[in-house]
PDB file of N, CA and C in Angstrom:
ATOM      1  N   MET A   1      30.246 -10.758 -11.606  1.00  0.00           N
ATOM      2  CA  MET A   1      28.923 -10.305 -11.980  1.00  0.00           C
ATOM      3  C   MET A   1      28.796  -8.814 -11.672  1.00  0.00           C
ATOM      4  N   MET A   2      28.299  -8.059 -12.554  1.00  0.00           N
ATOM      5  CA  MET A   2      28.097  -6.593 -12.328  1.00  0.00           C
ATOM      6  C   MET A   2      26.722  -6.395 -11.764  1.00  0.00           C
ATOM      7  N   SER A   3      26.634  -5.564 -10.722  1.00  0.00           N
ATOM      8  CA  SER A   3      25.324  -5.267 -10.081  1.00  0.00           C
ATOM      9  C   SER A   3      24.821  -3.922 -10.610  1.00  0.00           C
ATOM     10  N   LYS A   4      23.501  -3.816 -10.676  1.00  0.00           N
ATOM     11  CA  LYS A   4      22.906  -2.569 -11.098  1.00  0.00           C
ATOM     12  C   LYS A   4      22.685  -1.649  -9.929  1.00  0.00           C
ATOM     13  N   ASP A   5      22.721  -0.374 -10.154  1.00  0.00           N
ATOM     14  CA  ASP A   5      22.465   0.593  -9.111  1.00  0.00           C
ATOM     15  C   ASP A   5      21.008   0.611  -8.695  1.00  0.00           C
ATOM     16  N   LYS A   6      20.140   0.379  -9.675  1.00  0.00           N
ATOM     17  CA  LYS A   6      18.707   0.477  -9.377  1.00  0.00           C
ATOM     18  C   LYS A   6      17.939  -0.723  -9.897  1.00  0.00           C
ATOM     19  N   VAL A   7      16.847  -1.007  -9.297  1.00  0.00           N
ATOM     20  CA  VAL A   7      15.923  -2.070  -9.694  1.00  0.00           C
ATOM     21  C   VAL A   7      14.935  -1.461 -10.672  1.00  0.00           C
ATOM     22  N   GLY A   8      14.754  -2.058 -11.831  1.00  0.00           N
ATOM     23  CA  GLY A   8      13.803  -1.581 -12.775  1.00  0.00           C
ATOM     24  C   GLY A   8      12.359  -2.069 -12.460  1.00  0.00           C
ATOM     25  N   LEU A   9      11.522  -1.191 -12.030  1.00  0.00           N
ATOM     26  CA  LEU A   9      10.139  -1.564 -11.638  1.00  0.00           C
ATOM     27  C   LEU A   9       9.171  -1.022 -12.673  1.00  0.00           C
ATOM     28  N   CYS A  10       8.410  -1.933 -13.239  1.00  0.00           N
ATOM     29  CA  CYS A  10       7.391  -1.481 -14.197  1.00  0.00           C
ATOM     30  C   CYS A  10       6.024  -1.606 -13.588  1.00  0.00           C
ATOM     31  N   ILE A  11       5.276  -0.501 -13.598  1.00  0.00           N
ATOM     32  CA  ILE A  11       3.915  -0.505 -13.133  1.00  0.00           C
ATOM     33  C   ILE A  11       3.096  -0.786 -14.360  1.00  0.00           C
ATOM     34  N   ALA A  12       2.395  -1.923 -14.359  1.00  0.00           N
ATOM     35  CA  ALA A  12       1.626  -2.390 -15.481  1.00  0.00           C
ATOM     36  C   ALA A  12       0.153  -2.070 -15.212  1.00  0.00           C
ATOM     37  N   GLY A  13      -0.387  -1.237 -16.100  1.00  0.00           N
ATOM     38  CA  GLY A  13      -1.733  -0.764 -15.898  1.00  0.00           C
ATOM     39  C   GLY A  13      -1.685   0.726 -15.480  1.00  0.00           C
ATOM     40  N   CYS A  14      -2.303   1.588 -16.281  1.00  0.00           N
ATOM     41  CA  CYS A  14      -2.191   3.033 -15.990  1.00  0.00           C
ATOM     42  C   CYS A  14      -3.515   3.617 -15.742  1.00  0.00           C
ATOM     43  N   GLY A  15      -4.262   3.017 -14.765  1.00  0.00           N
ATOM     44  CA  GLY A  15      -5.532   3.589 -14.299  1.00  0.00           C
ATOM     45  C   GLY A  15      -5.273   4.431 -13.070  1.00  0.00           C
ATOM     46  N   ASN A  16      -6.364   4.719 -12.392  1.00  0.00           N
ATOM     47  CA  ASN A  16      -6.326   5.582 -11.249  1.00  0.00           C
ATOM     48  C   ASN A  16      -5.448   5.001 -10.107  1.00  0.00           C
ATOM     49  N   PHE A  17      -5.572   3.692  -9.848  1.00  0.00           N
ATOM     50  CA  PHE A  17      -4.871   3.103  -8.720  1.00  0.00           C
ATOM     51  C   PHE A  17      -3.351   3.142  -8.894  1.00  0.00           C
ATOM     52  N   ALA A  18      -2.886   3.172 -10.120  1.00  0.00           N
ATOM     53  CA  ALA A  18      -1.469   3.189 -10.397  1.00  0.00           C
ATOM     54  C   ALA A  18      -0.804   4.422  -9.840  1.00  0.00           C
ATOM     55  N   HIS A  19      -1.539   5.518  -9.696  1.00  0.00           N
ATOM     56  CA  HIS A  19      -1.004   6.731  -9.084  1.00  0.00           C
ATOM     57  C   HIS A  19      -0.468   6.502  -7.683  1.00  0.00           C
ATOM     58  N   THR A  20      -1.210   5.706  -6.899  1.00  0.00           N
ATOM     59  CA  THR A  20      -0.787   5.435  -5.499  1.00  0.00           C
ATOM     60  C   THR A  20       0.612   4.813  -5.482  1.00  0.00           C
ATOM     61  N   HIS A  21       0.795   3.812  -6.289  1.00  0.00           N
ATOM     62  CA  HIS A  21       2.127   3.121  -6.337  1.00  0.00           C
ATOM     63  C   HIS A  21       3.225   3.964  -6.965  1.00  0.00           C
ATOM     64  N   ALA A  22       2.820   4.716  -8.005  1.00  0.00           N
ATOM     65  CA  ALA A  22       3.837   5.562  -8.639  1.00  0.00           C
ATOM     66  C   ALA A  22       4.285   6.647  -7.707  1.00  0.00           C
ATOM     67  N   ASN A  23       3.389   7.243  -6.942  1.00  0.00           N
ATOM     68  CA  ASN A  23       3.749   8.322  -5.983  1.00  0.00           C
ATOM     69  C   ASN A  23       4.693   7.715  -4.918  1.00  0.00           C
ATOM     70  N   ALA A  24       4.371   6.542  -4.417  1.00  0.00           N
ATOM     71  CA  ALA A  24       5.203   5.913  -3.417  1.00  0.00           C
ATOM     72  C   ALA A  24       6.593   5.613  -3.942  1.00  0.00           C
ATOM     73  N   ALA A  25       6.639   5.055  -5.141  1.00  0.00           N
ATOM     74  CA  ALA A  25       7.978   4.711  -5.703  1.00  0.00           C
ATOM     75  C   ALA A  25       8.781   5.990  -6.004  1.00  0.00           C
ATOM     76  N   ALA A  26       8.157   6.997  -6.600  1.00  0.00           N
ATOM     77  CA  ALA A  26       8.884   8.177  -6.995  1.00  0.00           C
ATOM     78  C   ALA A  26       9.395   8.928  -5.751  1.00  0.00           C
ATOM     79  N   GLN A  27       8.648   8.901  -4.655  1.00  0.00           N
ATOM     80  CA  GLN A  27       9.017   9.702  -3.483  1.00  0.00           C
ATOM     81  C   GLN A  27       9.871   8.937  -2.478  1.00  0.00           C
ATOM     82  N   ARG A  28       9.765   7.606  -2.418  1.00  0.00           N
ATOM     83  CA  ARG A  28      10.371   6.886  -1.314  1.00  0.00           C
ATOM     84  C   ARG A  28      11.423   5.847  -1.743  1.00  0.00           C
ATOM     85  N   CYS A  29      11.550   5.589  -2.999  1.00  0.00           N
ATOM     86  CA  CYS A  29      12.429   4.480  -3.411  1.00  0.00           C
ATOM     87  C   CYS A  29      13.543   5.017  -4.317  1.00  0.00           C
ATOM     88  N   GLU A  30      14.637   5.378  -3.667  1.00  0.00           N
ATOM     89  CA  GLU A  30      15.769   5.891  -4.449  1.00  0.00           C
ATOM     90  C   GLU A  30      16.434   4.831  -5.310  1.00  0.00           C
ATOM     91  N   ASP A  31      16.269   3.599  -4.939  1.00  0.00           N
ATOM     92  CA  ASP A  31      16.919   2.496  -5.689  1.00  0.00           C
ATOM     93  C   ASP A  31      16.071   1.850  -6.740  1.00  0.00           C
ATOM     94  N   VAL A  32      14.997   2.600  -7.146  1.00  0.00           N
ATOM     95  CA  VAL A  32      14.028   2.058  -8.149  1.00  0.00           C
ATOM     96  C   VAL A  32      14.043   2.954  -9.384  1.00  0.00           C
ATOM     97  N   GLU A  33      14.201   2.338 -10.530  1.00  0.00           N
ATOM     98  CA  GLU A  33      14.033   3.034 -11.815  1.00  0.00           C
ATOM     99  C   GLU A  33      12.676   2.627 -12.278  1.00  0.00           C
ATOM    100  N   LEU A  34      11.810   3.612 -12.477  1.00  0.00           N
ATOM    101  CA  LEU A  34      10.378   3.384 -12.773  1.00  0.00           C
ATOM    102  C   LEU A  34      10.085   3.336 -14.223  1.00  0.00           C
ATOM    103  N   PHE A  35       9.212   2.425 -14.626  1.00  0.00           N
ATOM    104  CA  PHE A  35       8.700   2.278 -15.984  1.00  0.00           C
ATOM    105  C   PHE A  35       7.180   2.119 -15.889  1.00  0.00           C
ATOM    106  N   PHE A  36       6.507   2.379 -17.011  1.00  0.00           N
ATOM    107  CA  PHE A  36       5.056   2.177 -17.071  1.00  0.00           C
ATOM    108  C   PHE A  36       4.699   1.380 -18.306  1.00  0.00           C
ATOM    109  N   ALA A  37       3.744   0.497 -18.209  1.00  0.00           N
ATOM    110  CA  ALA A  37       3.230  -0.260 -19.332  1.00  0.00           C
ATOM    111  C   ALA A  37       1.711  -0.211 -19.280  1.00  0.00           C
ATOM    112  N   SER A  38       1.132  -0.076 -20.492  1.00  0.00           N
ATOM    113  CA  SER A  38      -0.317  -0.049 -20.597  1.00  0.00           C
ATOM    114  C   SER A  38      -0.702  -0.562 -22.000  1.00  0.00           C
ATOM    115  N   ARG A  39      -1.964  -0.958 -22.159  1.00  0.00           N
ATOM    116  CA  ARG A  39      -2.414  -1.298 -23.517  1.00  0.00           C
ATOM    117  C   ARG A  39      -2.488  -0.109 -24.385  1.00  0.00           C
ATOM    118  N   SER A  40      -2.466   1.100 -23.721  1.00  0.00           N
ATOM    119  CA  SER A  40      -2.451   2.366 -24.436  1.00  0.00           C
ATOM    120  C   SER A  40      -1.083   3.026 -24.265  1.00  0.00           C
ATOM    121  N   ALA A  41      -0.307   3.080 -25.367  1.00  0.00           N
ATOM    122  CA  ALA A  41       1.005   3.706 -25.329  1.00  0.00           C
ATOM    123  C   ALA A  41       0.915   5.109 -24.840  1.00  0.00           C
ATOM    124  N   ALA A  42      -0.112   5.833 -25.263  1.00  0.00           N
ATOM    125  CA  ALA A  42      -0.299   7.236 -24.845  1.00  0.00           C
ATOM    126  C   ALA A  42      -0.456   7.390 -23.327  1.00  0.00           C
ATOM    127  N   LYS A  43      -1.194   6.488 -22.734  1.00  0.00           N
ATOM    128  CA  LYS A  43      -1.336   6.542 -21.259  1.00  0.00           C
ATOM    129  C   LYS A  43       0.005   6.251 -20.587  1.00  0.00           C
ATOM    130  N   ALA A  44       0.693   5.231 -21.051  1.00  0.00           N
ATOM    131  CA  ALA A  44       1.983   4.891 -20.465  1.00  0.00           C
ATOM    132  C   ALA A  44       2.977   6.065 -20.576  1.00  0.00           C
ATOM    133  N   ARG A  45       2.985   6.748 -21.711  1.00  0.00           N
ATOM    134  CA  ARG A  45       3.848   7.900 -21.916  1.00  0.00           C
ATOM    135  C   ARG A  45       3.491   9.033 -20.978  1.00  0.00           C
ATOM    136  N   ALA A  46       2.214   9.230 -20.776  1.00  0.00           N
ATOM    137  CA  ALA A  46       1.739  10.321 -19.893  1.00  0.00           C
ATOM    138  C   ALA A  46       2.166  10.041 -18.473  1.00  0.00           C
ATOM    139  N   TYR A  47       2.024   8.833 -18.050  1.00  0.00           N
ATOM    140  CA  TYR A  47       2.424   8.491 -16.666  1.00  0.00           C
ATOM    141  C   TYR A  47       3.959   8.619 -16.521  1.00  0.00           C
ATOM    142  N   ALA A  48       4.667   8.154 -17.506  1.00  0.00           N
ATOM    143  CA  ALA A  48       6.156   8.237 -17.479  1.00  0.00           C
ATOM    144  C   ALA A  48       6.601   9.720 -17.422  1.00  0.00           C
ATOM    145  N   GLN A  49       5.943  10.575 -18.155  1.00  0.00           N
ATOM    146  CA  GLN A  49       6.290  11.934 -18.075  1.00  0.00           C
ATOM    147  C   GLN A  49       5.974  12.564 -16.725  1.00  0.00           C
ATOM    148  N   GLN A  50       4.787  12.258 -16.232  1.00  0.00           N
ATOM    149  CA  GLN A  50       4.355  12.825 -14.928  1.00  0.00           C
ATOM    150  C   GLN A  50       5.286  12.379 -13.780  1.00  0.00           C
ATOM    151  N   TYR A  51       5.754  11.180 -13.847  1.00  0.00           N
ATOM    152  CA  TYR A  51       6.562  10.620 -12.685  1.00  0.00           C
ATOM    153  C   TYR A  51       8.079  10.578 -12.994  1.00  0.00           C
ATOM    154  N   GLY A  52       8.479  11.122 -14.136  1.00  0.00           N
ATOM    155  CA  GLY A  52       9.893  11.140 -14.462  1.00  0.00           C
ATOM    156  C   GLY A  52      10.421   9.715 -14.629  1.00  0.00           C
ATOM    157  N   ALA A  53       9.654   8.841 -15.224  1.00  0.00           N
ATOM    158  CA  ALA A  53      10.024   7.463 -15.422  1.00  0.00           C
ATOM    159  C   ALA A  53      11.091   7.312 -16.499  1.00  0.00           C
ATOM    160  N   ALA A  54      11.782   6.170 -16.476  1.00  0.00           N
ATOM    161  CA  ALA A  54      12.791   5.889 -17.415  1.00  0.00           C
ATOM    162  C   ALA A  54      12.268   5.368 -18.755  1.00  0.00           C
ATOM    163  N   GLY A  55      11.022   4.944 -18.799  1.00  0.00           N
ATOM    164  CA  GLY A  55      10.482   4.469 -20.066  1.00  0.00           C
ATOM    165  C   GLY A  55       9.011   4.122 -19.940  1.00  0.00           C
ATOM    166  N   ALA A  56       8.404   3.937 -21.122  1.00  0.00           N
ATOM    167  CA  ALA A  56       6.990   3.632 -21.235  1.00  0.00           C
ATOM    168  C   ALA A  56       6.781   2.622 -22.325  1.00  0.00           C
ATOM    169  N   PHE A  57       5.820   1.750 -22.145  1.00  0.00           N
ATOM    170  CA  PHE A  57       5.584   0.659 -23.133  1.00  0.00           C
ATOM    171  C   PHE A  57       4.116   0.623 -23.460  1.00  0.00           C
ATOM    172  N   GLY A  58       3.778   0.340 -24.727  1.00  0.00           N
ATOM    173  CA  GLY A  58       2.441   0.235 -25.210  1.00  0.00           C
ATOM    174  C   GLY A  58       1.878  -1.205 -25.115  1.00  0.00           C
ATOM    175  N   SER A  59       2.645  -2.073 -24.542  1.00  0.00           N
ATOM    176  CA  SER A  59       2.086  -3.436 -24.260  1.00  0.00           C
ATOM    177  C   SER A  59       2.904  -4.031 -23.100  1.00  0.00           C
ATOM    178  N   TYR A  60       2.251  -4.936 -22.411  1.00  0.00           N
ATOM    179  CA  TYR A  60       2.887  -5.620 -21.292  1.00  0.00           C
ATOM    180  C   TYR A  60       4.027  -6.546 -21.792  1.00  0.00           C
ATOM    181  N   ALA A  61       3.835  -7.106 -22.958  1.00  0.00           N
ATOM    182  CA  ALA A  61       4.837  -7.973 -23.549  1.00  0.00           C
ATOM    183  C   ALA A  61       6.109  -7.231 -23.859  1.00  0.00           C
ATOM    184  N   ASP A  62       5.950  -5.997 -24.427  1.00  0.00           N
ATOM    185  CA  ASP A  62       7.155  -5.199 -24.715  1.00  0.00           C
ATOM    186  C   ASP A  62       7.920  -4.918 -23.443  1.00  0.00           C
ATOM    187  N   ALA A  63       7.214  -4.585 -22.390  1.00  0.00           N
ATOM    188  CA  ALA A  63       7.897  -4.293 -21.089  1.00  0.00           C
ATOM    189  C   ALA A  63       8.635  -5.556 -20.558  1.00  0.00           C
ATOM    190  N   ALA A  64       7.981  -6.675 -20.684  1.00  0.00           N
ATOM    191  CA  ALA A  64       8.537  -7.919 -20.186  1.00  0.00           C
ATOM    192  C   ALA A  64       9.824  -8.302 -20.973  1.00  0.00           C
ATOM    193  N   ARG A  65       9.914  -7.863 -22.190  1.00  0.00           N
ATOM    194  CA  ARG A  65      11.131  -8.203 -23.020  1.00  0.00           C
ATOM    195  C   ARG A  65      12.287  -7.224 -22.787  1.00  0.00           C
ATOM    196  N   ASP A  66      12.004  -6.100 -22.132  1.00  0.00           N
ATOM    197  CA  ASP A  66      13.041  -5.089 -21.935  1.00  0.00           C
ATOM    198  C   ASP A  66      13.953  -5.481 -20.783  1.00  0.00           C
ATOM    199  N   ALA A  67      15.257  -5.533 -21.038  1.00  0.00           N
ATOM    200  CA  ALA A  67      16.231  -5.991 -20.028  1.00  0.00           C
ATOM    201  C   ALA A  67      16.331  -5.029 -18.855  1.00  0.00           C
ATOM    202  N   ARG A  68      15.848  -3.799 -18.991  1.00  0.00           N
ATOM    203  CA  ARG A  68      15.899  -2.837 -17.876  1.00  0.00           C
ATOM    204  C   ARG A  68      14.850  -3.153 -16.797  1.00  0.00           C
ATOM    205  N   VAL A  69      13.838  -3.855 -17.195  1.00  0.00           N
ATOM    206  CA  VAL A  69      12.694  -4.130 -16.230  1.00  0.00           C
ATOM    207  C   VAL A  69      13.045  -5.420 -15.483  1.00  0.00           C
ATOM    208  N   ASP A  70      13.127  -5.297 -14.134  1.00  0.00           N
ATOM    209  CA  ASP A  70      13.396  -6.432 -13.263  1.00  0.00           C
ATOM    210  C   ASP A  70      12.155  -6.987 -12.595  1.00  0.00           C
ATOM    211  N   ALA A  71      11.161  -6.145 -12.372  1.00  0.00           N
ATOM    212  CA  ALA A  71       9.967  -6.525 -11.617  1.00  0.00           C
ATOM    213  C   ALA A  71       8.761  -5.784 -12.123  1.00  0.00           C
ATOM    214  N   PHE A  72       7.613  -6.346 -11.887  1.00  0.00           N
ATOM    215  CA  PHE A  72       6.298  -5.735 -12.293  1.00  0.00           C
ATOM    216  C   PHE A  72       5.410  -5.590 -11.074  1.00  0.00           C
ATOM    217  N   LEU A  73       4.655  -4.517 -11.077  1.00  0.00           N
ATOM    218  CA  LEU A  73       3.580  -4.272 -10.137  1.00  0.00           C
ATOM    219  C   LEU A  73       2.368  -4.096 -10.932  1.00  0.00           C
ATOM    220  N   PHE A  74       1.441  -5.035 -10.851  1.00  0.00           N
ATOM    221  CA  PHE A  74       0.279  -5.003 -11.646  1.00  0.00           C
ATOM    222  C   PHE A  74      -0.869  -4.207 -11.014  1.00  0.00           C
ATOM    223  N   CYS A  75      -1.363  -3.222 -11.740  1.00  0.00           N
ATOM    224  CA  CYS A  75      -2.483  -2.364 -11.315  1.00  0.00           C
ATOM    225  C   CYS A  75      -3.618  -2.478 -12.315  1.00  0.00           C
ATOM    226  N   THR A  76      -3.778  -3.652 -12.850  1.00  0.00           N
ATOM    227  CA  THR A  76      -4.860  -3.873 -13.818  1.00  0.00           C
ATOM    228  C   THR A  76      -6.113  -4.285 -13.079  1.00  0.00           C
ATOM    229  N   PRO A  77      -7.297  -3.974 -13.641  1.00  0.00           N
ATOM    230  CA  PRO A  77      -8.494  -4.383 -12.932  1.00  0.00           C
ATOM    231  C   PRO A  77      -8.734  -5.859 -12.961  1.00  0.00           C
ATOM    232  N   HIS A  78      -9.310  -6.359 -11.915  1.00  0.00           N
ATOM    233  CA  HIS A  78      -9.595  -7.792 -11.838  1.00  0.00           C
ATOM    234  C   HIS A  78     -11.004  -7.984 -12.453  1.00  0.00           C
ATOM    235  N   GLU A  79     -11.230  -9.170 -12.912  1.00  0.00           N
ATOM    236  CA  GLU A  79     -12.494  -9.512 -13.541  1.00  0.00           C
ATOM    237  C   GLU A  79     -13.564  -9.765 -12.425  1.00  0.00           C
ATOM    238  N   ASN A  80     -14.706  -9.152 -12.641  1.00  0.00           N
ATOM    239  CA  ASN A  80     -15.802  -9.326 -11.688  1.00  0.00           C
ATOM    240  C   ASN A  80     -16.633 -10.490 -12.078  1.00  0.00           C
ATOM    241  N   ASP A  81     -17.009 -11.330 -11.129  1.00  0.00           N
ATOM    242  CA  ASP A  81     -17.860 -12.536 -11.430  1.00  0.00           C
ATOM    243  C   ASP A  81     -19.307 -12.144 -11.317  1.00  0.00           C
TER     244      ASP A  81
END
């Protein structure tokens, strides 16, 4: 079995809170390859450019289908009751 050098982490949701996780991953995690997914492809691309990510997706389903993505960190808003 061939092992990968990096773990593909996709931050799902490109709102303000995603910056906290993206900064931490970009600065402290050498073994992480970062991706972004959002319902807005433009937002995902902007985050990917800002953080030097390996890719961006305009839907969560597209990110889930990509073999480079191993894990997700969800930064989507929760529903208020």
